[in-house]
Amino acid sequence: MTQDRYVTSTCITNIQRNLNDKLLPSLKQLKKDVDSTSVSFPGFGTIGVLLIGKYGSTQNDIRRMVDDAIATVEAWIESLETIKKNWREAEEKSIVVYR
């Protein structure tokens, strides 16, 4: 037995709101958390001198990835606004009117 599934403008609004209210703040917090993990000398000790360059490079890679993710989610939110308007228009045009 299959279930009927429907997409509505309300569903699109909810997705948009969740991206904006939950995912985006989490990504921004992740970026702050990466910044808070900096380790100053001699945090890794003597052997750590060899690792500190790689550690900083990895932090920069993660910052770039998170920035890319933030930009992508912001683009999704913007695109969903257009999709929602188009979907709403289609919903309104598909309403059966009896005379």
PDB file of N, CA and C in Angstrom:
ATOM      1  N   MET A   1       0.854  -1.179   0.000  1.00  0.00           N
ATOM      2  CA  MET A   1       0.000   0.000   0.000  1.00  0.00           C
ATOM      3  C   MET A   1       0.898   1.240   0.000  1.00  0.00           C
ATOM      4  N   THR A   2       0.651   2.125  -0.910  1.00  0.00           N
ATOM      5  CA  THR A   2       1.448   3.354  -0.981  1.00  0.00           C
ATOM      6  C   THR A   2       0.691   4.503  -0.340  1.00  0.00           C
ATOM      7  N   GLN A   3       1.461   5.458   0.113  1.00  0.00           N
ATOM      8  CA  GLN A   3       0.858   6.657   0.684  1.00  0.00           C
ATOM      9  C   GLN A   3       0.883   7.762  -0.358  1.00  0.00           C
ATOM     10  N   ASP A   4      -0.173   8.544  -0.375  1.00  0.00           N
ATOM     11  CA  ASP A   4      -0.175   9.721  -1.223  1.00  0.00           C
ATOM     12  C   ASP A   4       0.642  10.800  -0.526  1.00  0.00           C
ATOM     13  N   ARG A   5       1.483  11.439  -1.291  1.00  0.00           N
ATOM     14  CA  ARG A   5       2.312  12.506  -0.730  1.00  0.00           C
ATOM     15  C   ARG A   5       2.065  13.764  -1.525  1.00  0.00           C
ATOM     16  N   TYR A   6       1.968  14.851  -0.807  1.00  0.00           N
ATOM     17  CA  TYR A   6       1.664  16.122  -1.442  1.00  0.00           C
ATOM     18  C   TYR A   6       2.696  17.171  -1.061  1.00  0.00           C
ATOM     19  N   VAL A   7       3.034  17.973  -2.004  1.00  0.00           N
ATOM     20  CA  VAL A   7       3.872  19.143  -1.738  1.00  0.00           C
ATOM     21  C   VAL A   7       2.932  20.342  -1.727  1.00  0.00           C
ATOM     22  N   THR A   8       3.086  21.153  -0.709  1.00  0.00           N
ATOM     23  CA  THR A   8       2.265  22.362  -0.621  1.00  0.00           C
ATOM     24  C   THR A   8       3.177  23.565  -0.387  1.00  0.00           C
ATOM     25  N   SER A   9       2.641  24.739  -0.589  1.00  0.00           N
ATOM     26  CA  SER A   9       3.427  25.947  -0.319  1.00  0.00           C
ATOM     27  C   SER A   9       3.748  26.040   1.172  1.00  0.00           C
ATOM     28  N   THR A  10       2.878  25.494   2.008  1.00  0.00           N
ATOM     29  CA  THR A  10       3.138  25.469   3.448  1.00  0.00           C
ATOM     30  C   THR A  10       4.351  24.597   3.753  1.00  0.00           C
ATOM     31  N   CYS A  11       4.449  23.474   3.084  1.00  0.00           N
ATOM     32  CA  CYS A  11       5.605  22.588   3.249  1.00  0.00           C
ATOM     33  C   CYS A  11       6.884  23.304   2.828  1.00  0.00           C
ATOM     34  N   ILE A  12       6.842  23.990   1.715  1.00  0.00           N
ATOM     35  CA  ILE A  12       8.010  24.740   1.236  1.00  0.00           C
ATOM     36  C   ILE A  12       8.375  25.828   2.238  1.00  0.00           C
ATOM     37  N   THR A  13       7.384  26.511   2.794  1.00  0.00           N
ATOM     38  CA  THR A  13       7.625  27.533   3.812  1.00  0.00           C
ATOM     39  C   THR A  13       8.297  26.928   5.036  1.00  0.00           C
ATOM     40  N   ASN A  14       7.841  25.743   5.450  1.00  0.00           N
ATOM     41  CA  ASN A  14       8.427  25.087   6.619  1.00  0.00           C
ATOM     42  C   ASN A  14       9.884  24.697   6.377  1.00  0.00           C
ATOM     43  N   ILE A  15      10.186  24.209   5.190  1.00  0.00           N
ATOM     44  CA  ILE A  15      11.567  23.864   4.851  1.00  0.00           C
ATOM     45  C   ILE A  15      12.428  25.128   4.890  1.00  0.00           C
ATOM     46  N   GLN A  16      11.915  26.166   4.291  1.00  0.00           N
ATOM     47  CA  GLN A  16      12.629  27.442   4.253  1.00  0.00           C
ATOM     48  C   GLN A  16      12.892  27.954   5.676  1.00  0.00           C
ATOM     49  N   ARG A  17      11.886  27.888   6.520  1.00  0.00           N
ATOM     50  CA  ARG A  17      12.017  28.362   7.907  1.00  0.00           C
ATOM     51  C   ARG A  17      13.040  27.515   8.673  1.00  0.00           C
ATOM     52  N   ASN A  18      12.993  26.178   8.480  1.00  0.00           N
ATOM     53  CA  ASN A  18      13.950  25.310   9.178  1.00  0.00           C
ATOM     54  C   ASN A  18      15.383  25.594   8.738  1.00  0.00           C
ATOM     55  N   LEU A  19      15.583  25.822   7.451  1.00  0.00           N
ATOM     56  CA  LEU A  19      16.923  26.164   6.974  1.00  0.00           C
ATOM     57  C   LEU A  19      17.397  27.473   7.604  1.00  0.00           C
ATOM     58  N   ASN A  20      16.503  28.446   7.645  1.00  0.00           N
ATOM     59  CA  ASN A  20      16.844  29.769   8.152  1.00  0.00           C
ATOM     60  C   ASN A  20      16.995  29.801   9.669  1.00  0.00           C
ATOM     61  N   ASP A  21      16.122  29.092  10.379  1.00  0.00           N
ATOM     62  CA  ASP A  21      16.095  29.167  11.844  1.00  0.00           C
ATOM     63  C   ASP A  21      16.972  28.130  12.525  1.00  0.00           C
ATOM     64  N   LYS A  22      17.245  27.012  11.859  1.00  0.00           N
ATOM     65  CA  LYS A  22      17.993  25.939  12.515  1.00  0.00           C
ATOM     66  C   LYS A  22      19.346  25.663  11.867  1.00  0.00           C
ATOM     67  N   LEU A  23      19.353  25.388  10.575  1.00  0.00           N
ATOM     68  CA  LEU A  23      20.604  24.994   9.926  1.00  0.00           C
ATOM     69  C   LEU A  23      21.585  26.149   9.810  1.00  0.00           C
ATOM     70  N   LEU A  24      21.118  27.303   9.352  1.00  0.00           N
ATOM     71  CA  LEU A  24      22.006  28.451   9.154  1.00  0.00           C
ATOM     72  C   LEU A  24      22.681  28.878  10.465  1.00  0.00           C
ATOM     73  N   PRO A  25      21.934  29.031  11.573  1.00  0.00           N
ATOM     74  CA  PRO A  25      22.600  29.381  12.836  1.00  0.00           C
ATOM     75  C   PRO A  25      23.597  28.301  13.297  1.00  0.00           C
ATOM     76  N   SER A  26      23.281  27.042  13.033  1.00  0.00           N
ATOM     77  CA  SER A  26      24.199  25.964  13.414  1.00  0.00           C
ATOM     78  C   SER A  26      25.507  26.046  12.638  1.00  0.00           C
ATOM     79  N   LEU A  27      25.410  26.348  11.351  1.00  0.00           N
ATOM     80  CA  LEU A  27      26.621  26.491  10.542  1.00  0.00           C
ATOM     81  C   LEU A  27      27.448  27.694  10.993  1.00  0.00           C
ATOM     82  N   LYS A  28      26.769  28.776  11.316  1.00  0.00           N
ATOM     83  CA  LYS A  28      27.488  29.967  11.788  1.00  0.00           C
ATOM     84  C   LYS A  28      28.153  29.698  13.136  1.00  0.00           C
ATOM     85  N   GLN A  29      27.485  28.922  13.983  1.00  0.00           N
ATOM     86  CA  GLN A  29      28.081  28.547  15.269  1.00  0.00           C
ATOM     87  C   GLN A  29      29.281  27.633  15.054  1.00  0.00           C
ATOM     88  N   LEU A  30      29.182  26.728  14.084  1.00  0.00           N
ATOM     89  CA  LEU A  30      30.306  25.845  13.768  1.00  0.00           C
ATOM     90  C   LEU A  30      31.539  26.663  13.379  1.00  0.00           C
ATOM     91  N   LYS A  31      31.326  27.695  12.599  1.00  0.00           N
ATOM     92  CA  LYS A  31      32.450  28.547  12.198  1.00  0.00           C
ATOM     93  C   LYS A  31      33.085  29.208  13.417  1.00  0.00           C
ATOM     94  N   LYS A  32      32.254  29.686  14.344  1.00  0.00           N
ATOM     95  CA  LYS A  32      32.781  30.271  15.576  1.00  0.00           C
ATOM     96  C   LYS A  32      33.533  29.226  16.396  1.00  0.00           C
ATOM     97  N   ASP A  33      32.994  28.017  16.425  1.00  0.00           N
ATOM     98  CA  ASP A  33      33.640  26.945  17.180  1.00  0.00           C
ATOM     99  C   ASP A  33      35.012  26.610  16.605  1.00  0.00           C
ATOM    100  N   VAL A  34      35.139  26.617  15.301  1.00  0.00           N
ATOM    101  CA  VAL A  34      36.444  26.363  14.667  1.00  0.00           C
ATOM    102  C   VAL A  34      37.417  27.459  15.082  1.00  0.00           C
ATOM    103  N   ASP A  35      36.958  28.702  15.097  1.00  0.00           N
ATOM    104  CA  ASP A  35      37.825  29.805  15.512  1.00  0.00           C
ATOM    105  C   ASP A  35      38.281  29.641  16.963  1.00  0.00           C
ATOM    106  N   SER A  36      37.440  29.044  17.782  1.00  0.00           N
ATOM    107  CA  SER A  36      37.779  28.899  19.202  1.00  0.00           C
ATOM    108  C   SER A  36      38.729  27.731  19.466  1.00  0.00           C
ATOM    109  N   THR A  37      39.062  26.963  18.448  1.00  0.00           N
ATOM    110  CA  THR A  37      39.952  25.812  18.649  1.00  0.00           C
ATOM    111  C   THR A  37      41.404  26.118  18.329  1.00  0.00           C
ATOM    112  N   SER A  38      41.729  27.386  18.149  1.00  0.00           N
ATOM    113  CA  SER A  38      43.123  27.755  17.877  1.00  0.00           C
ATOM    114  C   SER A  38      43.986  27.381  19.070  1.00  0.00           C
ATOM    115  N   VAL A  39      45.158  26.861  18.772  1.00  0.00           N
ATOM    116  CA  VAL A  39      46.094  26.435  19.812  1.00  0.00           C
ATOM    117  C   VAL A  39      47.371  27.248  19.638  1.00  0.00           C
ATOM    118  N   SER A  40      47.690  28.017  20.668  1.00  0.00           N
ATOM    119  CA  SER A  40      48.900  28.837  20.582  1.00  0.00           C
ATOM    120  C   SER A  40      50.115  28.036  21.048  1.00  0.00           C
ATOM    121  N   PHE A  41      51.287  28.531  20.696  1.00  0.00           N
ATOM    122  CA  PHE A  41      52.535  27.870  21.076  1.00  0.00           C
ATOM    123  C   PHE A  41      52.675  27.903  22.583  1.00  0.00           C
ATOM    124  N   PRO A  42      53.104  26.915  23.238  1.00  0.00           N
ATOM    125  CA  PRO A  42      53.501  25.572  22.824  1.00  0.00           C
ATOM    126  C   PRO A  42      52.402  24.559  23.094  1.00  0.00           C
ATOM    127  N   GLY A  43      51.173  24.866  22.712  1.00  0.00           N
ATOM    128  CA  GLY A  43      50.018  24.023  23.007  1.00  0.00           C
ATOM    129  C   GLY A  43      50.157  22.561  22.635  1.00  0.00           C
ATOM    130  N   PHE A  44      50.846  22.272  21.558  1.00  0.00           N
ATOM    131  CA  PHE A  44      51.039  20.886  21.148  1.00  0.00           C
ATOM    132  C   PHE A  44      52.360  20.303  21.663  1.00  0.00           C
ATOM    133  N   GLY A  45      53.117  21.109  22.382  1.00  0.00           N
ATOM    134  CA  GLY A  45      54.393  20.634  22.896  1.00  0.00           C
ATOM    135  C   GLY A  45      55.461  20.622  21.816  1.00  0.00           C
ATOM    136  N   THR A  46      56.571  19.997  22.120  1.00  0.00           N
ATOM    137  CA  THR A  46      57.714  19.977  21.208  1.00  0.00           C
ATOM    138  C   THR A  46      57.389  19.264  19.910  1.00  0.00           C
ATOM    139  N   ILE A  47      56.750  18.123  19.984  1.00  0.00           N
ATOM    140  CA  ILE A  47      56.389  17.388  18.772  1.00  0.00           C
ATOM    141  C   ILE A  47      55.326  18.151  17.990  1.00  0.00           C
ATOM    142  N   GLY A  48      54.534  18.899  18.694  1.00  0.00           N
ATOM    143  CA  GLY A  48      53.461  19.655  18.067  1.00  0.00           C
ATOM    144  C   GLY A  48      53.935  20.731  17.118  1.00  0.00           C
ATOM    145  N   VAL A  49      55.170  21.168  17.261  1.00  0.00           N
ATOM    146  CA  VAL A  49      55.714  22.175  16.349  1.00  0.00           C
ATOM    147  C   VAL A  49      55.600  21.687  14.906  1.00  0.00           C
ATOM    148  N   LEU A  50      55.744  20.389  14.721  1.00  0.00           N
ATOM    149  CA  LEU A  50      55.622  19.806  13.385  1.00  0.00           C
ATOM    150  C   LEU A  50      54.168  19.780  12.908  1.00  0.00           C
ATOM    151  N   LEU A  51      53.246  19.726  13.854  1.00  0.00           N
ATOM    152  CA  LEU A  51      51.830  19.590  13.507  1.00  0.00           C
ATOM    153  C   LEU A  51      51.093  20.918  13.380  1.00  0.00           C
ATOM    154  N   ILE A  52      51.602  21.963  14.016  1.00  0.00           N
ATOM    155  CA  ILE A  52      50.840  23.210  14.103  1.00  0.00           C
ATOM    156  C   ILE A  52      50.508  23.792  12.732  1.00  0.00           C
ATOM    157  N   GLY A  53      51.405  23.669  11.772  1.00  0.00           N
ATOM    158  CA  GLY A  53      51.123  24.180  10.426  1.00  0.00           C
ATOM    159  C   GLY A  53      49.977  23.436   9.773  1.00  0.00           C
ATOM    160  N   LYS A  54      49.988  22.131   9.901  1.00  0.00           N
ATOM    161  CA  LYS A  54      48.906  21.313   9.332  1.00  0.00           C
ATOM    162  C   LYS A  54      47.585  21.594  10.044  1.00  0.00           C
ATOM    163  N   TYR A  55      47.651  21.792  11.366  1.00  0.00           N
ATOM    164  CA  TYR A  55      46.454  22.077  12.148  1.00  0.00           C
ATOM    165  C   TYR A  55      45.811  23.380  11.684  1.00  0.00           C
ATOM    166  N   GLY A  56      46.612  24.425  11.526  1.00  0.00           N
ATOM    167  CA  GLY A  56      46.100  25.714  11.060  1.00  0.00           C
ATOM    168  C   GLY A  56      45.535  25.619   9.656  1.00  0.00           C
ATOM    169  N   SER A  57      46.203  24.845   8.812  1.00  0.00           N
ATOM    170  CA  SER A  57      45.722  24.641   7.442  1.00  0.00           C
ATOM    171  C   SER A  57      44.376  23.930   7.437  1.00  0.00           C
ATOM    172  N   THR A  58      44.239  22.949   8.314  1.00  0.00           N
ATOM    173  CA  THR A  58      42.967  22.220   8.417  1.00  0.00           C
ATOM    174  C   THR A  58      41.854  23.140   8.909  1.00  0.00           C
ATOM    175  N   GLN A  59      42.168  23.997   9.877  1.00  0.00           N
ATOM    176  CA  GLN A  59      41.178  24.973  10.346  1.00  0.00           C
ATOM    177  C   GLN A  59      40.724  25.876   9.201  1.00  0.00           C
ATOM    178  N   ASN A  60      41.666  26.344   8.402  1.00  0.00           N
ATOM    179  CA  ASN A  60      41.315  27.208   7.262  1.00  0.00           C
ATOM    180  C   ASN A  60      40.458  26.472   6.241  1.00  0.00           C
ATOM    181  N   ASP A  61      40.777  25.204   5.993  1.00  0.00           N
ATOM    182  CA  ASP A  61      39.963  24.392   5.076  1.00  0.00           C
ATOM    183  C   ASP A  61      38.531  24.277   5.584  1.00  0.00           C
ATOM    184  N   ILE A  62      38.389  24.027   6.876  1.00  0.00           N
ATOM    185  CA  ILE A  62      37.049  23.882   7.461  1.00  0.00           C
ATOM    186  C   ILE A  62      36.296  25.204   7.398  1.00  0.00           C
ATOM    187  N   ARG A  63      36.985  26.308   7.679  1.00  0.00           N
ATOM    188  CA  ARG A  63      36.335  27.627   7.583  1.00  0.00           C
ATOM    189  C   ARG A  63      35.801  27.857   6.173  1.00  0.00           C
ATOM    190  N   ARG A  64      36.606  27.535   5.165  1.00  0.00           N
ATOM    191  CA  ARG A  64      36.166  27.708   3.768  1.00  0.00           C
ATOM    192  C   ARG A  64      34.965  26.810   3.460  1.00  0.00           C
ATOM    193  N   MET A  65      35.023  25.574   3.925  1.00  0.00           N
ATOM    194  CA  MET A  65      33.904  24.652   3.675  1.00  0.00           C
ATOM    195  C   MET A  65      32.628  25.149   4.349  1.00  0.00           C
ATOM    196  N   VAL A  66      32.750  25.642   5.573  1.00  0.00           N
ATOM    197  CA  VAL A  66      31.571  26.156   6.280  1.00  0.00           C
ATOM    198  C   VAL A  66      31.056  27.417   5.590  1.00  0.00           C
ATOM    199  N   ASP A  67      31.951  28.288   5.147  1.00  0.00           N
ATOM    200  CA  ASP A  67      31.520  29.485   4.396  1.00  0.00           C
ATOM    201  C   ASP A  67      30.765  29.080   3.127  1.00  0.00           C
ATOM    202  N   ASP A  68      31.279  28.069   2.432  1.00  0.00           N
ATOM    203  CA  ASP A  68      30.596  27.571   1.229  1.00  0.00           C
ATOM    204  C   ASP A  68      29.219  27.006   1.581  1.00  0.00           C
ATOM    205  N   ALA A  69      29.144  26.269   2.683  1.00  0.00           N
ATOM    206  CA  ALA A  69      27.862  25.693   3.111  1.00  0.00           C
ATOM    207  C   ALA A  69      26.869  26.802   3.466  1.00  0.00           C
ATOM    208  N   ILE A  70      27.337  27.830   4.159  1.00  0.00           N
ATOM    209  CA  ILE A  70      26.465  28.961   4.520  1.00  0.00           C
ATOM    210  C   ILE A  70      25.944  29.643   3.258  1.00  0.00           C
ATOM    211  N   ALA A  71      26.827  29.887   2.307  1.00  0.00           N
ATOM    212  CA  ALA A  71      26.414  30.528   1.052  1.00  0.00           C
ATOM    213  C   ALA A  71      25.409  29.665   0.304  1.00  0.00           C
ATOM    214  N   THR A  72      25.616  28.358   0.322  1.00  0.00           N
ATOM    215  CA  THR A  72      24.703  27.439  -0.360  1.00  0.00           C
ATOM    216  C   THR A  72      23.330  27.450   0.296  1.00  0.00           C
ATOM    217  N   VAL A  73      23.283  27.372   1.616  1.00  0.00           N
ATOM    218  CA  VAL A  73      21.997  27.379   2.326  1.00  0.00           C
ATOM    219  C   VAL A  73      21.278  28.706   2.103  1.00  0.00           C
ATOM    220  N   GLU A  74      22.012  29.811   2.126  1.00  0.00           N
ATOM    221  CA  GLU A  74      21.382  31.113   1.863  1.00  0.00           C
ATOM    222  C   GLU A  74      20.802  31.162   0.450  1.00  0.00           C
ATOM    223  N   ALA A  75      21.499  30.560  -0.513  1.00  0.00           N
ATOM    224  CA  ALA A  75      20.978  30.501  -1.892  1.00  0.00           C
ATOM    225  C   ALA A  75      19.734  29.626  -1.957  1.00  0.00           C
ATOM    226  N   TRP A  76      19.733  28.526  -1.202  1.00  0.00           N
ATOM    227  CA  TRP A  76      18.540  27.656  -1.166  1.00  0.00           C
ATOM    228  C   TRP A  76      17.347  28.421  -0.622  1.00  0.00           C
ATOM    229  N   ILE A  77      17.563  29.156   0.467  1.00  0.00           N
ATOM    230  CA  ILE A  77      16.473  29.916   1.087  1.00  0.00           C
ATOM    231  C   ILE A  77      15.901  30.920   0.083  1.00  0.00           C
ATOM    232  N   GLU A  78      16.777  31.581  -0.626  1.00  0.00           N
ATOM    233  CA  GLU A  78      16.341  32.551  -1.635  1.00  0.00           C
ATOM    234  C   GLU A  78      15.590  31.854  -2.773  1.00  0.00           C
ATOM    235  N   SER A  79      16.110  30.738  -3.233  1.00  0.00           N
ATOM    236  CA  SER A  79      15.450  29.989  -4.315  1.00  0.00           C
ATOM    237  C   SER A  79      14.099  29.453  -3.874  1.00  0.00           C
ATOM    238  N   LEU A  80      14.029  29.005  -2.633  1.00  0.00           N
ATOM    239  CA  LEU A  80      12.753  28.490  -2.124  1.00  0.00           C
ATOM    240  C   LEU A  80      11.672  29.571  -2.105  1.00  0.00           C
ATOM    241  N   GLU A  81      12.071  30.820  -1.960  1.00  0.00           N
ATOM    242  CA  GLU A  81      11.090  31.913  -1.994  1.00  0.00           C
ATOM    243  C   GLU A  81      10.419  31.971  -3.366  1.00  0.00           C
ATOM    244  N   THR A  82      11.207  31.862  -4.418  1.00  0.00           N
ATOM    245  CA  THR A  82      10.660  31.851  -5.781  1.00  0.00           C
ATOM    246  C   THR A  82       9.814  30.607  -6.008  1.00  0.00           C
ATOM    247  N   ILE A  83      10.321  29.469  -5.568  1.00  0.00           N
ATOM    248  CA  ILE A  83       9.579  28.210  -5.719  1.00  0.00           C
ATOM    249  C   ILE A  83       8.241  28.297  -4.997  1.00  0.00           C
ATOM    250  N   LYS A  84       8.262  28.854  -3.787  1.00  0.00           N
ATOM    251  CA  LYS A  84       7.035  28.974  -2.986  1.00  0.00           C
ATOM    252  C   LYS A  84       6.004  29.850  -3.688  1.00  0.00           C
ATOM    253  N   LYS A  85       6.448  30.980  -4.235  1.00  0.00           N
ATOM    254  CA  LYS A  85       5.520  31.879  -4.950  1.00  0.00           C
ATOM    255  C   LYS A  85       4.922  31.175  -6.164  1.00  0.00           C
ATOM    256  N   ASN A  86       5.763  30.486  -6.921  1.00  0.00           N
ATOM    257  CA  ASN A  86       5.269  29.751  -8.095  1.00  0.00           C
ATOM    258  C   ASN A  86       4.308  28.640  -7.690  1.00  0.00           C
ATOM    259  N   TRP A  87       4.628  27.944  -6.623  1.00  0.00           N
ATOM    260  CA  TRP A  87       3.785  26.842  -6.160  1.00  0.00           C
ATOM    261  C   TRP A  87       2.435  27.366  -5.688  1.00  0.00           C
ATOM    262  N   ARG A  88       2.467  28.490  -4.953  1.00  0.00           N
ATOM    263  CA  ARG A  88       1.228  29.101  -4.477  1.00  0.00           C
ATOM    264  C   ARG A  88       0.334  29.498  -5.650  1.00  0.00           C
ATOM    265  N   GLU A  89       0.952  30.066  -6.660  1.00  0.00           N
ATOM    266  CA  GLU A  89       0.200  30.466  -7.859  1.00  0.00           C
ATOM    267  C   GLU A  89      -0.423  29.238  -8.527  1.00  0.00           C
ATOM    268  N   ALA A  90       0.332  28.162  -8.616  1.00  0.00           N
ATOM    269  CA  ALA A  90      -0.190  26.925  -9.203  1.00  0.00           C
ATOM    270  C   ALA A  90      -1.326  26.363  -8.350  1.00  0.00           C
ATOM    271  N   GLU A  91      -1.187  26.436  -7.020  1.00  0.00           N
ATOM    272  CA  GLU A  91      -2.256  25.960  -6.129  1.00  0.00           C
ATOM    273  C   GLU A  91      -3.541  26.760  -6.354  1.00  0.00           C
ATOM    274  N   GLU A  92      -3.391  28.062  -6.452  1.00  0.00           N
ATOM    275  CA  GLU A  92      -4.566  28.913  -6.643  1.00  0.00           C
ATOM    276  C   GLU A  92      -5.232  28.663  -7.989  1.00  0.00           C
ATOM    277  N   LYS A  93      -4.440  28.419  -9.012  1.00  0.00           N
ATOM    278  CA  LYS A  93      -4.997  28.183 -10.336  1.00  0.00           C
ATOM    279  C   LYS A  93      -5.617  26.795 -10.475  1.00  0.00           C
ATOM    280  N   SER A  94      -5.269  25.890  -9.578  1.00  0.00           N
ATOM    281  CA  SER A  94      -5.796  24.534  -9.684  1.00  0.00           C
ATOM    282  C   SER A  94      -7.067  24.326  -8.838  1.00  0.00           C
ATOM    283  N   ILE A  95      -7.514  25.371  -8.168  1.00  0.00           N
ATOM    284  CA  ILE A  95      -8.738  25.270  -7.363  1.00  0.00           C
ATOM    285  C   ILE A  95      -9.943  25.194  -8.311  1.00  0.00           C
ATOM    286  N   VAL A  96     -10.768  24.222  -8.069  1.00  0.00           N
ATOM    287  CA  VAL A  96     -11.970  24.044  -8.884  1.00  0.00           C
ATOM    288  C   VAL A  96     -13.025  25.036  -8.414  1.00  0.00           C
ATOM    289  N   VAL A  97     -13.578  25.769  -9.353  1.00  0.00           N
ATOM    290  CA  VAL A  97     -14.597  26.772  -9.036  1.00  0.00           C
ATOM    291  C   VAL A  97     -15.908  26.322  -9.677  1.00  0.00           C
ATOM    292  N   TYR A  98     -16.931  26.208  -8.844  1.00  0.00           N
ATOM    293  CA  TYR A  98     -18.250  25.815  -9.351  1.00  0.00           C
ATOM    294  C   TYR A  98     -19.080  27.079  -9.546  1.00  0.00           C
ATOM    295  N   ARG A  99     -19.837  27.106 -10.656  1.00  0.00           N
ATOM    296  CA  ARG A  99     -20.701  28.268 -10.916  1.00  0.00           C
ATOM    297  C   ARG A  99     -22.138  27.901 -10.738  1.00  0.00           C
TER     298      ARG A  99
END
